[in-house]
Amino acid sequence: MKNYAQNLGKNIRKLREINNLSIEELSQKTSINADFLLKIEQAKAKRIFLSHINSFCKCFNVGIKELFE
């Protein structure tokens, strides 16, 4: 499970940086708390819901697969 969390965190950060978004800007676009976004990027989030994944997919215009590769 940790590997998935690490991949997700790494990819969210990469996509955020490619799109020139700060944590705060991504928080506004996804309606996910900025502190929680940092935990996701650091693979320290205890629970990530499908609604979070869906928000990332919509924000970055990617599929679920791209978030976890």
Protein backbone atom coordinates (compact mmCIF):
# COMPACT_ATOMS: atom_id res chain seq x y z
CA MET A 1 0.00 0.00 0.00
CA LYS A 2 2.86 2.37 0.79
CA ASN A 3 4.12 2.09 -2.80
CA TYR A 4 0.77 3.34 -4.14
CA ALA A 5 0.80 6.23 -1.68
CA GLN A 6 4.35 7.15 -2.67
CA ASN A 7 3.52 7.01 -6.38
CA LEU A 8 0.40 9.10 -5.87
CA GLY A 9 2.26 11.71 -3.83
CA LYS A 10 5.13 11.91 -6.29
CA ASN A 11 2.77 12.26 -9.26
CA ILE A 12 0.54 14.86 -7.60
CA ARG A 13 3.60 16.96 -6.83
CA LYS A 14 4.95 16.54 -10.37
CA LEU A 15 1.61 17.49 -11.94
CA ARG A 16 1.24 20.43 -9.58
CA GLU A 17 4.68 21.71 -10.51
CA ILE A 18 4.12 21.16 -14.25
CA ASN A 19 0.96 23.24 -13.94
CA ASN A 20 2.77 25.90 -11.89
CA LEU A 21 0.40 25.53 -8.96
CA SER A 22 1.21 26.17 -5.34
CA ILE A 23 -0.24 23.93 -2.65
CA GLU A 24 -2.71 26.71 -1.85
CA GLU A 25 -3.81 27.03 -5.48
CA LEU A 26 -4.26 23.27 -5.80
CA SER A 27 -6.23 23.34 -2.57
CA GLN A 28 -8.59 25.92 -4.03
CA LYS A 29 -9.00 24.02 -7.31
CA THR A 30 -9.66 20.66 -5.64
CA SER A 31 -11.36 21.79 -2.41
CA ILE A 32 -8.84 19.67 -0.49
CA ASN A 33 -7.19 21.18 2.58
CA ALA A 34 -3.62 22.38 1.90
CA ASP A 35 -2.21 20.54 4.94
CA PHE A 36 -3.81 17.32 3.72
CA LEU A 37 -2.39 17.88 0.22
CA LEU A 38 1.09 18.11 1.74
CA LYS A 39 0.49 14.82 3.55
CA ILE A 40 -0.60 13.21 0.29
CA GLU A 41 2.53 14.48 -1.50
CA GLN A 42 4.70 13.14 1.34
CA ALA A 43 2.85 9.77 1.37
CA LYS A 44 1.82 10.42 4.98
CA ALA A 45 -1.96 10.68 4.50
CA LYS A 46 -3.82 8.02 6.47
CA ARG A 47 -6.84 7.87 4.16
CA ILE A 48 -7.40 9.09 0.65
CA PHE A 49 -10.93 8.90 -0.65
CA LEU A 50 -12.09 8.31 -4.19
CA SER A 51 -13.47 11.85 -4.19
CA HIS A 52 -9.90 13.14 -3.70
CA ILE A 53 -8.64 11.03 -6.60
CA ASN A 54 -11.51 12.27 -8.74
CA SER A 55 -10.67 15.88 -7.87
CA PHE A 56 -7.04 15.36 -8.92
CA CYS A 57 -8.08 13.72 -12.19
CA LYS A 58 -10.40 16.62 -13.04
CA CYS A 59 -7.91 19.28 -12.01
CA PHE A 60 -5.01 17.82 -14.01
CA ASN A 61 -7.12 16.28 -16.79
CA VAL A 62 -5.57 12.83 -16.30
CA GLY A 63 -6.89 9.35 -15.70
CA ILE A 64 -6.59 7.42 -12.45
CA LYS A 65 -3.87 5.26 -13.93
CA GLU A 66 -1.60 8.28 -14.49
CA LEU A 67 -1.85 9.21 -10.81
CA PHE A 68 -0.55 5.84 -9.62
CA GLU A 69 2.11 4.94 -12.21
